[in-house]
Amino acid sequence: MQDLQTLRAFVTVAREGSVSRAAERLHLTQPAVSLRLKLFQESLGLTLFQRHPKGLSLTDDGQALVPAAEKALAAMAAFEENARALHTTLHGRLKIGTIVDPEFIRLGAFLHRLVERAPQLETELHHGMSGTVLEWVRRGELDVGFFLAPPGEGPGIPEIAHRELTHFHYHVIAPAGWGSRLAGADWPQLAMLPWITTPENSAHHRLLHGVLDPLGIVPRSVAQVDQEACMLDLVRAGVGLSLARDALAMAERQERGLTVAEGMRLPCALSFIWQRDRGEEVVIAEALEVLARVWGTPD
């Protein structure tokens, strides 16, 4: 360690060109830094600095050694970081509930950073509908999960904590050529058209009924599915209407000619959920820290 401190003093003086400034950066006294440089040069049998009125400058020998010294310090810092990581590495398994598609929830980026920070932590993924993931987390079958709900509402269960990651909208989409049927239609009129609906545990169901229930109407369901990909296939096939996220709705309109109802947007938020009384657990706290780096603040 003494040699490491001496090497750090050499590199800092080389960068600063001044013993006093180097001492300040190293939180040492000036005589202590000078002594370390003196002993260092004596041990090497080399003159590393030459004095001038404004401070110190490196000799040719000093300039030749600085890159090697910097590499040695960087290697030692990496060694210490690895040692700390081994000491604090998380072990065990984190069970994660996933929804919709991996790209939308940034699952790849999340798992990549999580594995980097905790290489010995095993993750186990369970895919389901938003409400299903909520129930799994509530029962303790999953540790954490992704969840969809209108902004500010969260899961609506006191024992479940949540963090909103991003805000977006759902649009009403219809088969190609249905533009005239959707033109100027309000929610009661849209509800009378054939709909591809979803189970109660689905975010689509909660969002749609959140609009229709206060009006005392129900959608005319002609098919019920529990997967977003299946919903889109049925819309493309001309079966009926459905809801789709911003990006999906716009892509389907551009690439496949599907119709998007104008002015019909349902706000939604993607959240991350966990049992409130488990928030201090190291594994869950680590997952939340990684999420913050991947998502930042809600859009």
Protein backbone atom coordinates (compact mmCIF):
# COMPACT_ATOMS: atom_id res chain seq x y z
CA MET A 1 0.00 0.00 0.00
CA GLN A 2 2.89 2.36 0.75
CA ASP A 3 4.27 1.78 -2.75
CA LEU A 4 0.81 2.43 -4.20
CA GLN A 5 0.56 5.76 -2.34
CA THR A 6 4.01 6.73 -3.57
CA LEU A 7 3.09 5.85 -7.14
CA ARG A 8 -0.07 7.93 -6.80
CA ALA A 9 2.00 10.86 -5.50
CA PHE A 10 4.33 10.59 -8.49
CA VAL A 11 1.46 10.61 -11.00
CA THR A 12 -0.37 13.46 -9.24
CA VAL A 13 2.73 15.68 -9.12
CA ALA A 14 3.36 14.88 -12.78
CA ARG A 15 -0.17 15.98 -13.65
CA GLU A 16 -0.21 19.08 -11.46
CA GLY A 17 3.37 20.21 -11.99
CA SER A 18 3.42 21.27 -8.35
CA VAL A 19 4.05 19.50 -5.05
CA SER A 20 1.71 21.84 -3.19
CA ARG A 21 -1.20 21.31 -5.56
CA ALA A 22 -0.59 17.58 -5.58
CA ALA A 23 -0.54 17.53 -1.77
CA GLU A 24 -3.88 19.33 -1.73
CA ARG A 25 -5.45 16.81 -4.11
CA LEU A 26 -4.02 13.87 -2.17
CA HIS A 27 -5.03 15.34 1.21
CA LEU A 28 -1.42 15.12 2.41
CA THR A 29 1.11 17.66 3.63
CA GLN A 30 3.61 19.09 1.20
CA PRO A 31 6.61 17.65 3.11
CA ALA A 32 5.01 14.20 3.01
CA VAL A 33 4.64 14.33 -0.77
CA SER A 34 8.19 15.67 -1.21
CA LEU A 35 9.58 12.87 0.95
CA ARG A 36 7.74 10.24 -1.05
CA LEU A 37 9.07 11.63 -4.30
CA LYS A 38 12.62 11.73 -2.90
CA LEU A 39 12.47 8.11 -1.70
CA PHE A 40 10.80 7.01 -4.94
CA GLN A 41 13.54 8.52 -7.10
CA GLU A 42 16.25 7.09 -4.86
CA SER A 43 14.73 3.61 -5.03
CA LEU A 44 14.65 3.81 -8.83
CA GLY A 45 18.03 5.48 -9.18
CA LEU A 46 16.46 7.99 -11.54
CA THR A 47 15.73 11.70 -11.60
CA LEU A 48 12.07 12.06 -12.50
CA PHE A 49 11.54 15.82 -12.07
CA GLN A 50 13.43 18.99 -12.64
CA ARG A 51 12.65 22.21 -10.83
CA HIS A 52 11.88 25.52 -12.48
CA PRO A 53 10.47 28.83 -11.16
CA LYS A 54 6.84 27.80 -11.67
CA GLY A 55 7.12 24.31 -10.19
CA LEU A 56 8.24 20.91 -11.42
CA SER A 57 8.43 19.37 -14.85
CA LEU A 58 9.13 15.80 -15.84
CA THR A 59 12.49 14.69 -17.09
CA ASP A 60 12.70 12.34 -20.05
CA ASP A 61 12.86 9.41 -17.60
CA GLY A 62 9.84 10.77 -15.75
CA GLN A 63 7.83 11.14 -18.94
CA ALA A 64 8.70 7.57 -19.91
CA LEU A 65 7.42 6.23 -16.57
CA VAL A 66 4.16 8.18 -16.24
CA PRO A 67 2.12 5.98 -18.65
CA ALA A 68 3.27 2.81 -16.89
CA ALA A 69 2.50 4.34 -13.50
CA GLU A 70 -0.99 5.35 -14.63
CA LYS A 71 -1.63 1.84 -15.95
CA ALA A 72 -0.44 0.36 -12.66
CA LEU A 73 -2.80 2.62 -10.69
CA ALA A 74 -5.70 1.80 -13.00
CA ALA A 75 -4.99 -1.92 -12.67
CA MET A 76 -4.87 -1.61 -8.90
CA ALA A 77 -8.14 0.33 -8.86
CA ALA A 78 -9.74 -2.37 -11.01
CA PHE A 79 -8.39 -5.04 -8.68
CA GLU A 80 -9.83 -3.29 -5.63
CA GLU A 81 -13.16 -2.80 -7.38
CA ASN A 82 -13.31 -6.49 -8.26
CA ALA A 83 -12.44 -7.41 -4.70
CA ARG A 84 -15.19 -5.17 -3.36
CA ALA A 85 -17.61 -6.62 -5.89
CA LEU A 86 -16.82 -10.15 -4.73
CA HIS A 87 -17.31 -9.08 -1.16
CA THR A 88 -20.66 -7.47 -1.84
CA THR A 89 -21.87 -9.55 -4.78
CA LEU A 90 -25.51 -10.41 -4.54
CA HIS A 91 -26.39 -14.06 -4.53
CA GLY A 92 -29.69 -15.81 -4.96
CA ARG A 93 -32.52 -15.39 -7.43
CA LEU A 94 -34.69 -12.47 -8.48
CA LYS A 95 -38.07 -13.47 -9.90
CA ILE A 96 -39.33 -10.85 -12.34
CA GLY A 97 -42.77 -10.52 -13.88
CA THR A 98 -42.72 -9.24 -17.46
CA ILE A 99 -45.52 -7.92 -19.68
CA VAL A 100 -46.09 -6.86 -23.30
CA ASP A 101 -42.88 -7.04 -25.36
CA PRO A 102 -39.28 -7.02 -24.04
CA GLU A 103 -38.25 -4.01 -26.11
CA PHE A 104 -40.98 -1.78 -24.69
CA ILE A 105 -40.09 -2.51 -21.05
CA ARG A 106 -36.35 -2.29 -21.89
CA LEU A 107 -35.88 -5.76 -20.49
CA GLY A 108 -32.59 -6.39 -22.28
CA ALA A 109 -30.96 -3.21 -20.98
CA PHE A 110 -32.30 -3.87 -17.48
CA LEU A 111 -30.98 -7.43 -17.30
CA HIS A 112 -27.67 -6.48 -18.90
CA ARG A 113 -26.94 -3.84 -16.26
CA LEU A 114 -28.22 -6.04 -13.47
CA VAL A 115 -25.89 -8.89 -14.47
CA GLU A 116 -22.98 -6.46 -14.74
CA ARG A 117 -23.56 -5.18 -11.21
CA ALA A 118 -24.48 -8.54 -9.68
CA PRO A 119 -22.94 -11.31 -11.82
CA GLN A 120 -23.83 -14.04 -9.33
CA LEU A 121 -27.49 -13.07 -9.11
CA GLU A 122 -29.77 -15.39 -11.05
CA THR A 123 -32.89 -13.95 -12.67
CA GLU A 124 -36.08 -15.86 -13.39
CA LEU A 125 -38.63 -14.35 -15.78
CA HIS A 126 -42.37 -15.00 -15.78
CA HIS A 127 -44.47 -13.44 -18.53
CA GLY A 128 -48.10 -12.56 -18.02
CA MET A 129 -50.77 -9.88 -18.16
CA SER A 130 -50.38 -6.79 -16.03
CA GLY A 131 -52.96 -7.85 -13.45
CA THR A 132 -51.54 -11.36 -13.29
CA VAL A 133 -48.06 -10.03 -12.53
CA LEU A 134 -49.57 -7.84 -9.81
CA GLU A 135 -51.22 -10.83 -8.18
CA TRP A 136 -48.02 -12.90 -8.38
CA VAL A 137 -46.08 -10.11 -6.67
CA ARG A 138 -48.81 -9.65 -4.05
CA ARG A 139 -48.71 -13.37 -3.19
CA GLY A 140 -44.91 -13.37 -3.05
CA GLU A 141 -44.57 -15.72 -6.02
CA LEU A 142 -42.56 -13.02 -7.79
CA ASP A 143 -40.18 -10.49 -6.25
CA VAL A 144 -40.80 -7.63 -8.66
CA GLY A 145 -42.64 -7.02 -11.90
CA PHE A 146 -43.79 -4.58 -14.56
CA PHE A 147 -47.30 -3.18 -14.43
CA LEU A 148 -49.57 -0.93 -16.50
CA ALA A 149 -52.12 1.54 -15.15
CA PRO A 150 -53.29 5.10 -15.80
CA PRO A 151 -50.71 7.67 -14.61
CA GLY A 152 -50.84 8.28 -10.88
CA GLU A 153 -53.06 5.30 -10.09
CA GLY A 154 -50.47 2.56 -9.60
CA PRO A 155 -51.56 -0.93 -8.57
CA GLY A 156 -54.15 0.35 -6.10
CA ILE A 157 -53.09 -2.07 -3.36
CA PRO A 158 -51.57 -0.54 -0.19
CA GLU A 159 -49.05 -3.33 0.34
CA ILE A 160 -47.65 -2.97 -3.19
CA ALA A 161 -45.22 -0.14 -3.93
CA HIS A 162 -44.61 1.10 -7.45
CA ARG A 163 -42.36 3.39 -9.45
CA GLU A 164 -43.57 4.89 -12.71
CA LEU A 165 -41.01 4.46 -15.49
CA THR A 166 -42.62 6.10 -18.50
CA HIS A 167 -45.91 7.57 -19.72
CA PHE A 168 -47.55 6.85 -23.07
CA HIS A 169 -50.99 6.45 -24.71
CA TYR A 170 -53.14 3.65 -26.02
CA HIS A 171 -55.01 4.26 -29.28
CA VAL A 172 -58.09 2.62 -30.73
CA ILE A 173 -57.10 0.69 -33.85
CA ALA A 174 -59.35 -0.89 -36.44
CA PRO A 175 -58.94 -2.97 -39.61
CA ALA A 176 -57.81 -1.32 -42.81
CA GLY A 177 -60.65 0.43 -44.62
CA TRP A 178 -62.66 1.16 -41.48
CA GLY A 179 -61.94 4.87 -41.60
CA SER A 180 -65.52 5.79 -42.47
CA ARG A 181 -66.88 3.69 -39.60
CA LEU A 182 -64.62 5.45 -37.11
CA ALA A 183 -64.92 8.98 -38.50
CA GLY A 184 -66.39 11.29 -35.88
CA ALA A 185 -67.41 8.38 -33.63
CA ASP A 186 -67.58 8.92 -29.89
CA TRP A 187 -67.09 6.22 -27.26
CA PRO A 188 -70.73 4.98 -27.25
CA GLN A 189 -70.60 4.64 -31.03
CA LEU A 190 -67.22 2.92 -30.93
CA ALA A 191 -68.49 0.50 -28.30
CA MET A 192 -71.22 -0.68 -30.71
CA LEU A 193 -68.60 -1.85 -33.22
CA PRO A 194 -67.08 -5.35 -32.89
CA TRP A 195 -64.23 -5.42 -30.36
CA ILE A 196 -61.39 -7.80 -29.61
CA THR A 197 -61.41 -7.71 -25.83
CA THR A 198 -59.12 -9.02 -23.13
CA PRO A 199 -59.54 -10.65 -19.68
CA GLU A 200 -60.01 -8.53 -16.57
CA ASN A 201 -56.35 -8.96 -15.59
CA SER A 202 -55.29 -7.15 -18.74
CA ALA A 203 -54.39 -3.47 -18.76
CA HIS A 204 -56.38 -3.13 -22.00
CA HIS A 205 -59.52 -4.28 -20.17
CA ARG A 206 -59.02 -1.87 -17.27
CA LEU A 207 -58.27 1.08 -19.55
CA LEU A 208 -61.22 0.47 -21.86
CA HIS A 209 -63.69 -0.15 -19.07
CA GLY A 210 -62.36 2.88 -17.23
CA VAL A 211 -63.83 4.94 -20.08
CA LEU A 212 -66.95 2.91 -20.84
CA ASP A 213 -68.18 1.94 -17.36
CA PRO A 214 -68.98 5.55 -16.30
CA LEU A 215 -71.05 5.84 -19.48
CA GLY A 216 -72.97 2.66 -18.59
CA ILE A 217 -71.95 0.85 -21.75
CA VAL A 218 -69.93 -2.25 -22.58
CA PRO A 219 -67.98 -2.99 -25.75
CA ARG A 220 -69.47 -5.43 -28.23
CA SER A 221 -67.01 -8.25 -27.80
CA VAL A 222 -66.61 -10.72 -30.67
CA ALA A 223 -63.39 -12.31 -29.45
CA GLN A 224 -61.36 -12.35 -26.26
CA VAL A 225 -57.60 -12.91 -26.26
CA ASP A 226 -54.84 -12.54 -23.71
CA GLN A 227 -51.85 -11.75 -25.93
CA GLU A 228 -51.11 -8.47 -27.69
CA ALA A 229 -49.74 -10.20 -30.78
CA CYS A 230 -52.97 -12.16 -31.18
CA MET A 231 -55.02 -8.99 -30.80
CA LEU A 232 -53.08 -7.34 -33.61
CA ASP A 233 -53.47 -10.37 -35.86
CA LEU A 234 -57.25 -10.30 -35.40
CA VAL A 235 -57.41 -6.58 -36.15
CA ARG A 236 -55.35 -7.12 -39.30
CA ALA A 237 -57.74 -9.92 -40.28
CA GLY A 238 -60.70 -7.55 -40.08
CA VAL A 239 -62.32 -9.03 -36.97
CA GLY A 240 -62.73 -5.83 -34.97
CA LEU A 241 -61.27 -3.00 -32.91
CA SER A 242 -58.64 -3.13 -30.20
CA LEU A 243 -56.27 -0.94 -28.24
CA ALA A 244 -52.60 -0.52 -29.12
CA ARG A 245 -49.69 1.42 -27.69
CA ASP A 246 -48.44 4.60 -29.42
CA ALA A 247 -45.59 3.00 -31.31
CA LEU A 248 -47.54 -0.10 -32.29
CA ALA A 249 -50.56 1.85 -33.49
CA MET A 250 -48.48 4.19 -35.65
CA ALA A 251 -46.40 1.33 -37.07
CA GLU A 252 -49.49 -0.72 -37.92
CA ARG A 253 -51.09 2.26 -39.64
CA GLN A 254 -48.01 2.95 -41.72
CA GLU A 255 -46.96 -0.60 -42.52
CA ARG A 256 -50.30 -2.44 -42.76
CA GLY A 257 -52.82 0.31 -43.33
CA LEU A 258 -54.76 -0.21 -40.10
CA THR A 259 -57.10 2.58 -39.08
CA VAL A 260 -56.40 4.64 -35.95
CA ALA A 261 -59.35 6.48 -34.37
CA GLU A 262 -58.61 10.19 -34.25
CA GLY A 263 -58.73 11.87 -30.85
CA MET A 264 -59.21 8.64 -28.90
CA ARG A 265 -56.21 8.28 -26.64
CA LEU A 266 -56.04 6.61 -23.24
CA PRO A 267 -53.11 7.72 -21.04
CA CYS A 268 -51.13 4.96 -19.38
CA ALA A 269 -47.98 4.52 -17.31
CA LEU A 270 -45.52 1.67 -17.20
CA SER A 271 -44.54 0.96 -13.59
CA PHE A 272 -42.30 -1.39 -11.65
CA ILE A 273 -43.90 -3.00 -8.60
CA TRP A 274 -42.75 -4.81 -5.45
CA GLN A 275 -44.05 -5.61 -1.99
CA ARG A 276 -43.73 -2.43 0.05
CA ASP A 277 -42.28 -4.15 3.13
CA ARG A 278 -39.57 -5.78 0.99
CA GLY A 279 -38.25 -2.54 -0.48
CA GLU A 280 -35.19 -2.58 1.80
CA GLU A 281 -34.10 -6.04 0.69
CA VAL A 282 -30.73 -5.80 -1.03
CA VAL A 283 -31.77 -7.63 -4.19
CA ILE A 284 -34.86 -5.50 -4.74
CA ALA A 285 -32.99 -2.29 -3.89
CA GLU A 286 -30.37 -3.26 -6.48
CA ALA A 287 -33.06 -3.86 -9.10
CA LEU A 288 -34.55 -0.43 -8.38
CA GLU A 289 -31.13 1.21 -8.69
CA VAL A 290 -30.57 -0.45 -12.06
CA LEU A 291 -34.03 0.62 -13.24
CA ALA A 292 -33.25 4.22 -12.34
CA ARG A 293 -30.17 4.08 -14.57
CA VAL A 294 -32.04 2.46 -17.46
CA TRP A 295 -35.14 4.66 -17.37
CA GLY A 296 -34.22 7.88 -15.56
CA THR A 297 -37.30 9.99 -14.76
CA PRO A 298 -40.70 9.30 -16.36
CA ASP A 299 -41.19 10.79 -19.84
